Amino acid sequence: MAGAITRGVLFVHSAPRALCPHLEWAASDVLGGRVALDWIEQPAGPGLLRAEHSWQGPQGTGARLASAFRGWANLRYEVTEEPSAGADGARWSHTPSLGIFHAVTDVHGNIVVPEDRIRAALVEQHDQRALRDALDLALGRAWDEELEPFRYAGAGAPVRWLHRVG
């Protein structure tokens, strides 16, 4: 029996031009069909390009995409996977200096921190600063801070219009 189908988005926030075809090949391999990304200049990094791709596939496709891109130098990316029948959503964030961060997400894209991780932070941290640091790590704050300048594409970036339904 095949697993549930889900969807998500691959955000390549910054990549050197020479790496772009390799990223397309890796994404094509994971998604089982040709992926041709629309590359645009990345204003936050001279000489770097950015692209995004909406995908659909079986549960776990987001993890396979994130793994396919992991470890490539000078690459910043995020992969999201929406919740689906029997599975939470997820987000993977990668930066050259921090490596990869994974978080479970709810239907709204919020990071869900497991109860045991919160309890461990409360027990192990003896002052407010240490507790804040533990929770910041659980929420991926350092990754968000490093990626934020690259998330904003500047002029000429593709725009997604949200339509009201109902």
N, C-alpha and C. Protein backbone atom coordinates (compact mmCIF):
# COMPACT_ATOMS: atom_id res chain seq x y z
N MET A 1 0.83 -1.17 0.00
CA MET A 1 0.00 0.00 0.00
C MET A 1 0.88 1.24 0.00
N ALA A 2 0.59 2.15 -0.88
CA ALA A 2 1.36 3.39 -0.99
C ALA A 2 0.96 4.34 0.13
N GLY A 3 1.91 5.16 0.58
CA GLY A 3 1.64 6.15 1.62
C GLY A 3 0.82 7.30 1.07
N ALA A 4 0.39 8.14 1.99
CA ALA A 4 -0.39 9.32 1.61
C ALA A 4 0.48 10.28 0.79
N ILE A 5 -0.19 11.02 -0.06
CA ILE A 5 0.48 12.03 -0.87
C ILE A 5 0.44 13.36 -0.11
N THR A 6 1.54 14.07 -0.16
CA THR A 6 1.63 15.38 0.46
C THR A 6 2.27 16.33 -0.53
N ARG A 7 2.44 17.56 -0.10
CA ARG A 7 3.09 18.54 -0.96
C ARG A 7 3.95 19.45 -0.10
N GLY A 8 4.77 20.20 -0.77
CA GLY A 8 5.66 21.10 -0.05
C GLY A 8 6.35 22.03 -1.01
N VAL A 9 7.33 22.73 -0.50
CA VAL A 9 8.08 23.69 -1.31
C VAL A 9 9.57 23.53 -1.00
N LEU A 10 10.35 23.56 -2.06
CA LEU A 10 11.80 23.61 -1.96
C LEU A 10 12.20 25.06 -2.22
N PHE A 11 12.85 25.67 -1.24
CA PHE A 11 13.37 27.03 -1.38
C PHE A 11 14.89 26.95 -1.42
N VAL A 12 15.49 27.25 -2.55
CA VAL A 12 16.94 27.38 -2.62
C VAL A 12 17.20 28.87 -2.45
N HIS A 13 17.65 29.27 -1.28
CA HIS A 13 17.83 30.69 -0.98
C HIS A 13 19.10 31.26 -1.60
N SER A 14 20.15 30.44 -1.70
CA SER A 14 21.36 30.92 -2.36
C SER A 14 22.21 29.72 -2.78
N ALA A 15 22.66 29.81 -4.02
CA ALA A 15 23.51 28.76 -4.57
C ALA A 15 24.45 29.38 -5.60
N PRO A 16 25.70 28.92 -5.64
CA PRO A 16 26.59 29.37 -6.71
C PRO A 16 26.07 28.85 -8.06
N ARG A 17 26.28 29.62 -9.10
CA ARG A 17 25.78 29.27 -10.44
C ARG A 17 26.20 27.86 -10.85
N ALA A 18 27.44 27.47 -10.58
CA ALA A 18 27.94 26.16 -11.00
C ALA A 18 27.20 25.00 -10.33
N LEU A 19 26.61 25.26 -9.18
CA LEU A 19 25.91 24.20 -8.45
C LEU A 19 24.47 24.01 -8.93
N CYS A 20 23.91 24.99 -9.60
CA CYS A 20 22.49 24.97 -9.98
C CYS A 20 22.07 23.74 -10.77
N PRO A 21 22.78 23.32 -11.82
CA PRO A 21 22.34 22.12 -12.54
C PRO A 21 22.37 20.87 -11.66
N HIS A 22 23.33 20.80 -10.75
CA HIS A 22 23.43 19.64 -9.86
C HIS A 22 22.24 19.59 -8.90
N LEU A 23 21.78 20.75 -8.45
CA LEU A 23 20.60 20.81 -7.58
C LEU A 23 19.36 20.35 -8.34
N GLU A 24 19.24 20.76 -9.59
CA GLU A 24 18.11 20.32 -10.40
C GLU A 24 18.14 18.81 -10.60
N TRP A 25 19.31 18.25 -10.86
CA TRP A 25 19.43 16.80 -11.03
C TRP A 25 19.07 16.07 -9.75
N ALA A 26 19.54 16.58 -8.61
CA ALA A 26 19.23 15.93 -7.33
C ALA A 26 17.73 15.98 -7.05
N ALA A 27 17.11 17.14 -7.28
CA ALA A 27 15.66 17.27 -7.07
C ALA A 27 14.90 16.36 -8.03
N SER A 28 15.35 16.28 -9.27
CA SER A 28 14.70 15.41 -10.26
C SER A 28 14.75 13.96 -9.82
N ASP A 29 15.90 13.55 -9.29
CA ASP A 29 16.06 12.18 -8.83
C ASP A 29 15.09 11.86 -7.70
N VAL A 30 14.96 12.77 -6.74
CA VAL A 30 14.06 12.55 -5.60
C VAL A 30 12.60 12.59 -6.04
N LEU A 31 12.25 13.55 -6.88
CA LEU A 31 10.85 13.74 -7.26
C LEU A 31 10.40 12.85 -8.42
N GLY A 32 11.32 12.16 -9.04
CA GLY A 32 10.96 11.19 -10.07
C GLY A 32 10.53 11.80 -11.40
N GLY A 33 10.97 12.99 -11.69
CA GLY A 33 10.67 13.65 -12.95
C GLY A 33 11.57 14.85 -13.11
N ARG A 34 11.64 15.37 -14.31
CA ARG A 34 12.54 16.49 -14.58
C ARG A 34 12.11 17.73 -13.78
N VAL A 35 13.07 18.32 -13.07
CA VAL A 35 12.84 19.57 -12.35
C VAL A 35 13.74 20.63 -12.98
N ALA A 36 13.11 21.67 -13.52
CA ALA A 36 13.84 22.80 -14.09
C ALA A 36 13.48 24.02 -13.25
N LEU A 37 14.41 24.49 -12.46
CA LEU A 37 14.15 25.61 -11.57
C LEU A 37 14.35 26.93 -12.31
N ASP A 38 13.54 27.92 -11.98
CA ASP A 38 13.68 29.26 -12.54
C ASP A 38 14.62 30.05 -11.63
N TRP A 39 15.86 30.14 -12.00
CA TRP A 39 16.89 30.79 -11.18
C TRP A 39 16.86 32.29 -11.39
N ILE A 40 16.94 33.04 -10.29
CA ILE A 40 17.06 34.50 -10.35
C ILE A 40 18.21 34.93 -9.45
N GLU A 41 18.70 36.11 -9.68
CA GLU A 41 19.80 36.64 -8.87
C GLU A 41 19.35 36.75 -7.41
N GLN A 42 20.28 36.51 -6.50
CA GLN A 42 20.02 36.64 -5.07
C GLN A 42 20.63 37.96 -4.61
N PRO A 43 19.80 38.98 -4.35
CA PRO A 43 20.34 40.29 -3.95
C PRO A 43 21.18 40.25 -2.67
N ALA A 44 20.93 39.31 -1.78
CA ALA A 44 21.66 39.25 -0.51
C ALA A 44 23.04 38.64 -0.67
N GLY A 45 23.34 38.08 -1.82
CA GLY A 45 24.64 37.46 -2.04
C GLY A 45 25.09 37.64 -3.48
N PRO A 46 26.00 38.56 -3.72
CA PRO A 46 26.48 38.78 -5.08
C PRO A 46 27.02 37.49 -5.70
N GLY A 47 26.60 37.23 -6.93
CA GLY A 47 27.05 36.03 -7.63
C GLY A 47 26.27 34.78 -7.30
N LEU A 48 25.30 34.89 -6.40
CA LEU A 48 24.49 33.73 -6.01
C LEU A 48 23.12 33.81 -6.67
N LEU A 49 22.49 32.65 -6.82
CA LEU A 49 21.16 32.56 -7.41
C LEU A 49 20.20 31.95 -6.42
N ARG A 50 18.90 32.17 -6.66
CA ARG A 50 17.86 31.59 -5.80
C ARG A 50 16.76 31.04 -6.68
N ALA A 51 15.98 30.09 -6.14
CA ALA A 51 14.85 29.50 -6.87
C ALA A 51 13.93 28.83 -5.86
N GLU A 52 12.71 28.57 -6.29
CA GLU A 52 11.81 27.78 -5.46
C GLU A 52 10.98 26.87 -6.36
N HIS A 53 10.54 25.77 -5.77
CA HIS A 53 9.80 24.76 -6.53
C HIS A 53 8.76 24.11 -5.63
N SER A 54 7.51 24.19 -6.04
CA SER A 54 6.44 23.46 -5.33
C SER A 54 6.46 22.02 -5.82
N TRP A 55 6.33 21.09 -4.89
CA TRP A 55 6.38 19.68 -5.25
C TRP A 55 5.22 18.93 -4.62
N GLN A 56 4.97 17.75 -5.14
CA GLN A 56 3.95 16.84 -4.60
C GLN A 56 4.54 15.44 -4.67
N GLY A 57 4.33 14.67 -3.60
CA GLY A 57 4.88 13.32 -3.57
C GLY A 57 4.46 12.58 -2.32
N PRO A 58 4.96 11.38 -2.15
CA PRO A 58 4.62 10.58 -0.97
C PRO A 58 5.20 11.20 0.30
N GLN A 59 4.59 10.87 1.44
CA GLN A 59 5.13 11.32 2.72
C GLN A 59 6.62 10.96 2.78
N GLY A 60 7.40 11.87 3.33
CA GLY A 60 8.83 11.64 3.43
C GLY A 60 9.63 12.25 2.29
N THR A 61 8.95 12.79 1.28
CA THR A 61 9.66 13.41 0.16
C THR A 61 10.48 14.60 0.62
N GLY A 62 9.94 15.37 1.55
CA GLY A 62 10.69 16.52 2.07
C GLY A 62 12.01 16.10 2.69
N ALA A 63 11.99 15.03 3.47
CA ALA A 63 13.22 14.53 4.10
C ALA A 63 14.22 14.06 3.04
N ARG A 64 13.71 13.41 1.99
CA ARG A 64 14.60 12.95 0.92
C ARG A 64 15.23 14.13 0.17
N LEU A 65 14.44 15.19 -0.07
CA LEU A 65 14.99 16.39 -0.72
C LEU A 65 16.07 17.03 0.15
N ALA A 66 15.75 17.22 1.43
CA ALA A 66 16.72 17.83 2.35
C ALA A 66 18.01 17.01 2.40
N SER A 67 17.88 15.71 2.43
CA SER A 67 19.06 14.83 2.48
C SER A 67 19.86 14.90 1.18
N ALA A 68 19.18 15.02 0.05
CA ALA A 68 19.87 15.08 -1.24
C ALA A 68 20.73 16.33 -1.36
N PHE A 69 20.35 17.42 -0.68
CA PHE A 69 21.07 18.68 -0.77
C PHE A 69 22.06 18.88 0.37
N ARG A 70 21.99 18.05 1.38
CA ARG A 70 22.80 18.23 2.59
C ARG A 70 24.29 18.10 2.28
N GLY A 71 25.06 19.00 2.88
CA GLY A 71 26.51 18.90 2.80
C GLY A 71 27.14 19.61 1.61
N TRP A 72 26.35 20.21 0.73
CA TRP A 72 26.94 20.92 -0.40
C TRP A 72 27.38 22.30 0.07
N ALA A 73 28.60 22.66 -0.24
CA ALA A 73 29.17 23.92 0.22
C ALA A 73 28.44 25.12 -0.39
N ASN A 74 28.38 26.18 0.38
CA ASN A 74 27.84 27.47 -0.07
C ASN A 74 26.38 27.39 -0.50
N LEU A 75 25.62 26.52 0.10
CA LEU A 75 24.21 26.34 -0.26
C LEU A 75 23.33 26.65 0.94
N ARG A 76 22.34 27.51 0.71
CA ARG A 76 21.32 27.79 1.73
C ARG A 76 19.99 27.35 1.16
N TYR A 77 19.27 26.52 1.91
CA TYR A 77 17.98 26.07 1.42
C TYR A 77 17.04 25.73 2.56
N GLU A 78 15.76 25.64 2.21
CA GLU A 78 14.73 25.15 3.12
C GLU A 78 13.81 24.25 2.32
N VAL A 79 13.32 23.24 3.00
CA VAL A 79 12.32 22.35 2.42
C VAL A 79 11.17 22.27 3.40
N THR A 80 9.96 22.43 2.89
CA THR A 80 8.78 22.25 3.74
C THR A 80 7.98 21.06 3.22
N GLU A 81 7.31 20.39 4.15
CA GLU A 81 6.38 19.31 3.81
C GLU A 81 5.13 19.53 4.63
N GLU A 82 4.00 19.63 3.97
CA GLU A 82 2.74 19.87 4.67
C GLU A 82 2.29 18.62 5.41
N PRO A 83 1.51 18.81 6.49
CA PRO A 83 0.93 17.65 7.17
C PRO A 83 0.02 16.89 6.20
N SER A 84 -0.07 15.60 6.40
CA SER A 84 -0.95 14.76 5.58
C SER A 84 -1.51 13.66 6.47
N ALA A 85 -2.35 12.83 5.92
CA ALA A 85 -3.01 11.79 6.70
C ALA A 85 -1.99 10.97 7.50
N GLY A 86 -2.06 11.07 8.81
CA GLY A 86 -1.19 10.28 9.67
C GLY A 86 0.22 10.82 9.85
N ALA A 87 0.50 12.02 9.35
CA ALA A 87 1.85 12.56 9.48
C ALA A 87 1.82 14.06 9.74
N ASP A 88 2.70 14.51 10.63
CA ASP A 88 2.86 15.94 10.87
C ASP A 88 3.59 16.57 9.70
N GLY A 89 3.55 17.88 9.64
CA GLY A 89 4.35 18.61 8.67
C GLY A 89 5.78 18.71 9.16
N ALA A 90 6.65 19.24 8.31
CA ALA A 90 8.05 19.37 8.69
C ALA A 90 8.71 20.49 7.90
N ARG A 91 9.81 20.98 8.46
CA ARG A 91 10.64 21.97 7.78
C ARG A 91 12.10 21.63 8.05
N TRP A 92 12.90 21.69 6.99
CA TRP A 92 14.34 21.51 7.09
C TRP A 92 14.98 22.80 6.61
N SER A 93 15.91 23.32 7.38
CA SER A 93 16.63 24.54 7.03
C SER A 93 18.12 24.21 7.03
N HIS A 94 18.83 24.74 6.04
CA HIS A 94 20.27 24.47 5.95
C HIS A 94 21.02 25.75 5.63
N THR A 95 22.13 25.96 6.36
CA THR A 95 23.07 27.03 6.05
C THR A 95 24.48 26.44 6.07
N PRO A 96 25.40 27.06 5.34
CA PRO A 96 26.77 26.53 5.33
C PRO A 96 27.41 26.54 6.72
N SER A 97 27.13 27.54 7.53
CA SER A 97 27.81 27.62 8.82
C SER A 97 27.13 26.80 9.92
N LEU A 98 25.83 26.56 9.81
CA LEU A 98 25.11 25.86 10.87
C LEU A 98 24.76 24.41 10.53
N GLY A 99 24.78 24.06 9.27
CA GLY A 99 24.35 22.72 8.88
C GLY A 99 22.84 22.68 8.78
N ILE A 100 22.25 21.53 9.10
CA ILE A 100 20.83 21.33 8.89
C ILE A 100 20.05 21.37 10.20
N PHE A 101 18.84 21.91 10.12
CA PHE A 101 17.92 21.96 11.25
C PHE A 101 16.60 21.36 10.78
N HIS A 102 16.01 20.52 11.61
CA HIS A 102 14.72 19.90 11.29
C HIS A 102 13.73 20.22 12.39
N ALA A 103 12.51 20.52 11.99
CA ALA A 103 11.45 20.77 12.97
C ALA A 103 10.14 20.19 12.46
N VAL A 104 9.34 19.70 13.39
CA VAL A 104 7.97 19.28 13.10
C VAL A 104 7.12 20.54 13.07
N THR A 105 6.17 20.60 12.13
CA THR A 105 5.31 21.78 12.02
C THR A 105 3.84 21.38 12.08
N ASP A 106 3.01 22.35 12.49
CA ASP A 106 1.57 22.12 12.52
C ASP A 106 0.95 22.55 11.19
N VAL A 107 -0.37 22.53 11.10
CA VAL A 107 -1.06 22.86 9.85
C VAL A 107 -0.84 24.30 9.42
N HIS A 108 -0.41 25.16 10.32
CA HIS A 108 -0.18 26.56 10.01
C HIS A 108 1.30 26.85 9.74
N GLY A 109 2.15 25.84 9.82
CA GLY A 109 3.58 26.03 9.59
C GLY A 109 4.37 26.39 10.83
N ASN A 110 3.70 26.43 11.99
CA ASN A 110 4.40 26.73 13.25
C ASN A 110 5.22 25.53 13.69
N ILE A 111 6.40 25.81 14.26
CA ILE A 111 7.22 24.73 14.80
C ILE A 111 6.58 24.19 16.06
N VAL A 112 6.54 22.88 16.16
CA VAL A 112 5.99 22.19 17.33
C VAL A 112 7.17 21.60 18.10
N VAL A 113 7.36 22.06 19.32
CA VAL A 113 8.44 21.56 20.15
C VAL A 113 7.88 20.44 21.03
N PRO A 114 8.45 19.25 20.94
CA PRO A 114 7.94 18.12 21.73
C PRO A 114 8.01 18.38 23.23
N GLU A 115 7.04 17.86 23.93
CA GLU A 115 6.93 18.02 25.39
C GLU A 115 8.21 17.61 26.11
N ASP A 116 8.81 16.49 25.70
CA ASP A 116 10.02 16.02 26.38
C ASP A 116 11.18 16.99 26.22
N ARG A 117 11.26 17.66 25.09
CA ARG A 117 12.33 18.62 24.88
C ARG A 117 12.14 19.85 25.77
N ILE A 118 10.90 20.28 25.93
CA ILE A 118 10.61 21.41 26.82
C ILE A 118 10.92 21.03 28.27
N ARG A 119 10.49 19.83 28.67
CA ARG A 119 10.76 19.38 30.04
C ARG A 119 12.27 19.29 30.31
N ALA A 120 13.02 18.78 29.34
CA ALA A 120 14.47 18.68 29.51
C ALA A 120 15.09 20.06 29.64
N ALA A 121 14.63 21.02 28.85
CA ALA A 121 15.16 22.38 28.95
C ALA A 121 14.87 22.97 30.32
N LEU A 122 13.69 22.72 30.84
CA LEU A 122 13.32 23.25 32.15
C LEU A 122 14.14 22.62 33.27
N VAL A 123 14.42 21.33 33.16
CA VAL A 123 15.16 20.62 34.20
C VAL A 123 16.65 20.95 34.14
N GLU A 124 17.21 20.97 32.93
CA GLU A 124 18.65 21.11 32.77
C GLU A 124 19.15 22.54 32.85
N GLN A 125 18.31 23.51 32.63
CA GLN A 125 18.75 24.90 32.61
C GLN A 125 18.44 25.57 33.94
N HIS A 126 19.46 26.16 34.54
CA HIS A 126 19.32 26.72 35.88
C HIS A 126 19.12 28.22 35.92
N ASP A 127 19.20 28.88 34.77
CA ASP A 127 18.93 30.31 34.76
C ASP A 127 18.12 30.66 33.51
N GLN A 128 17.56 31.84 33.52
CA GLN A 128 16.67 32.25 32.44
C GLN A 128 17.39 32.31 31.09
N ARG A 129 18.63 32.77 31.08
CA ARG A 129 19.40 32.87 29.83
C ARG A 129 19.63 31.49 29.22
N ALA A 130 19.99 30.52 30.04
CA ALA A 130 20.23 29.16 29.55
C ALA A 130 18.94 28.54 29.04
N LEU A 131 17.83 28.80 29.72
CA LEU A 131 16.53 28.30 29.26
C LEU A 131 16.18 28.91 27.92
N ARG A 132 16.36 30.21 27.78
CA ARG A 132 16.09 30.89 26.51
C ARG A 132 16.95 30.30 25.39
N ASP A 133 18.23 30.05 25.66
CA ASP A 133 19.12 29.46 24.66
C ASP A 133 18.65 28.08 24.24
N ALA A 134 18.20 27.26 25.20
CA ALA A 134 17.71 25.92 24.89
C ALA A 134 16.46 25.98 24.02
N LEU A 135 15.56 26.90 24.34
CA LEU A 135 14.34 27.03 23.55
C LEU A 135 14.63 27.63 22.17
N ASP A 136 15.57 28.58 22.09
CA ASP A 136 15.97 29.12 20.79
C ASP A 136 16.53 28.03 19.89
N LEU A 137 17.30 27.12 20.46
CA LEU A 137 17.83 26.00 19.68
C LEU A 137 16.70 25.10 19.20
N ALA A 138 15.74 24.81 20.07
CA ALA A 138 14.61 23.96 19.70
C ALA A 138 13.77 24.58 18.58
N LEU A 139 13.73 25.91 18.54
CA LEU A 139 12.94 26.62 17.53
C LEU A 139 13.76 26.98 16.28
N GLY A 140 15.04 26.70 16.28
CA GLY A 140 15.87 26.99 15.12
C GLY A 140 16.14 28.46 14.89
N ARG A 141 16.22 29.23 15.96
CA ARG A 141 16.38 30.68 15.84
C ARG A 141 17.63 31.07 15.04
N ALA A 142 18.74 30.41 15.29
CA ALA A 142 19.98 30.76 14.58
C ALA A 142 19.83 30.57 13.07
N TRP A 143 19.13 29.52 12.66
CA TRP A 143 18.90 29.27 11.24
C TRP A 143 18.00 30.37 10.65
N ASP A 144 16.95 30.73 11.38
CA ASP A 144 16.07 31.80 10.90
C ASP A 144 16.84 33.10 10.75
N GLU A 145 17.68 33.43 11.72
CA GLU A 145 18.43 34.68 11.66
C GLU A 145 19.40 34.70 10.47
N GLU A 146 20.04 33.56 10.20
CA GLU A 146 20.98 33.52 9.08
C GLU A 146 20.26 33.50 7.73
N LEU A 147 19.11 32.85 7.66
CA LEU A 147 18.41 32.74 6.38
C LEU A 147 17.56 33.96 6.04
N GLU A 148 17.15 34.73 7.04
CA GLU A 148 16.20 35.81 6.78
C GLU A 148 16.63 36.78 5.67
N PRO A 149 17.87 37.24 5.63
CA PRO A 149 18.24 38.14 4.54
C PRO A 149 18.13 37.48 3.16
N PHE A 150 18.27 36.16 3.11
CA PHE A 150 18.21 35.44 1.85
C PHE A 150 16.77 35.08 1.46
N ARG A 151 15.86 35.06 2.42
CA ARG A 151 14.46 34.74 2.13
C ARG A 151 13.80 35.83 1.31
N TYR A 152 14.21 37.05 1.54
CA TYR A 152 13.66 38.17 0.80
C TYR A 152 14.41 38.27 -0.52
N ALA A 153 13.71 38.04 -1.60
CA ALA A 153 14.37 37.95 -2.90
C ALA A 153 14.58 39.30 -3.56
N GLY A 154 13.86 40.33 -3.15
CA GLY A 154 14.00 41.64 -3.78
C GLY A 154 13.17 41.75 -5.03
N ALA A 155 13.42 42.77 -5.79
CA ALA A 155 12.66 43.05 -7.00
C ALA A 155 12.80 41.90 -8.00
N GLY A 156 11.70 41.57 -8.63
CA GLY A 156 11.71 40.52 -9.64
C GLY A 156 11.46 39.13 -9.11
N ALA A 157 11.25 39.01 -7.81
CA ALA A 157 11.00 37.69 -7.23
C ALA A 157 9.60 37.24 -7.60
N PRO A 158 9.39 35.93 -7.74
CA PRO A 158 8.04 35.47 -8.02
C PRO A 158 7.11 35.80 -6.85
N VAL A 159 5.90 36.16 -7.17
CA VAL A 159 4.91 36.52 -6.15
C VAL A 159 3.83 35.46 -6.13
N ARG A 160 3.48 35.01 -4.95
CA ARG A 160 2.40 34.04 -4.79
C ARG A 160 1.18 34.76 -4.25
N TRP A 161 0.11 34.76 -4.99
CA TRP A 161 -1.13 35.38 -4.54
C TRP A 161 -1.97 34.33 -3.83
N LEU A 162 -2.47 34.68 -2.67
CA LEU A 162 -3.36 33.80 -1.93
C LEU A 162 -4.79 34.23 -2.22
N HIS A 163 -5.61 33.28 -2.56
CA HIS A 163 -7.00 33.58 -2.89
C HIS A 163 -7.91 33.11 -1.77
N ARG A 164 -8.87 33.92 -1.45
CA ARG A 164 -9.82 33.57 -0.41
C ARG A 164 -10.83 32.56 -0.99
N VAL A 165 -11.05 31.52 -0.23
CA VAL A 165 -11.99 30.49 -0.65
C VAL A 165 -13.14 30.47 0.33
N GLY A 166 -14.37 30.39 -0.19
CA GLY A 166 -15.53 30.26 0.69
C GLY A 166 -16.20 31.49 1.07
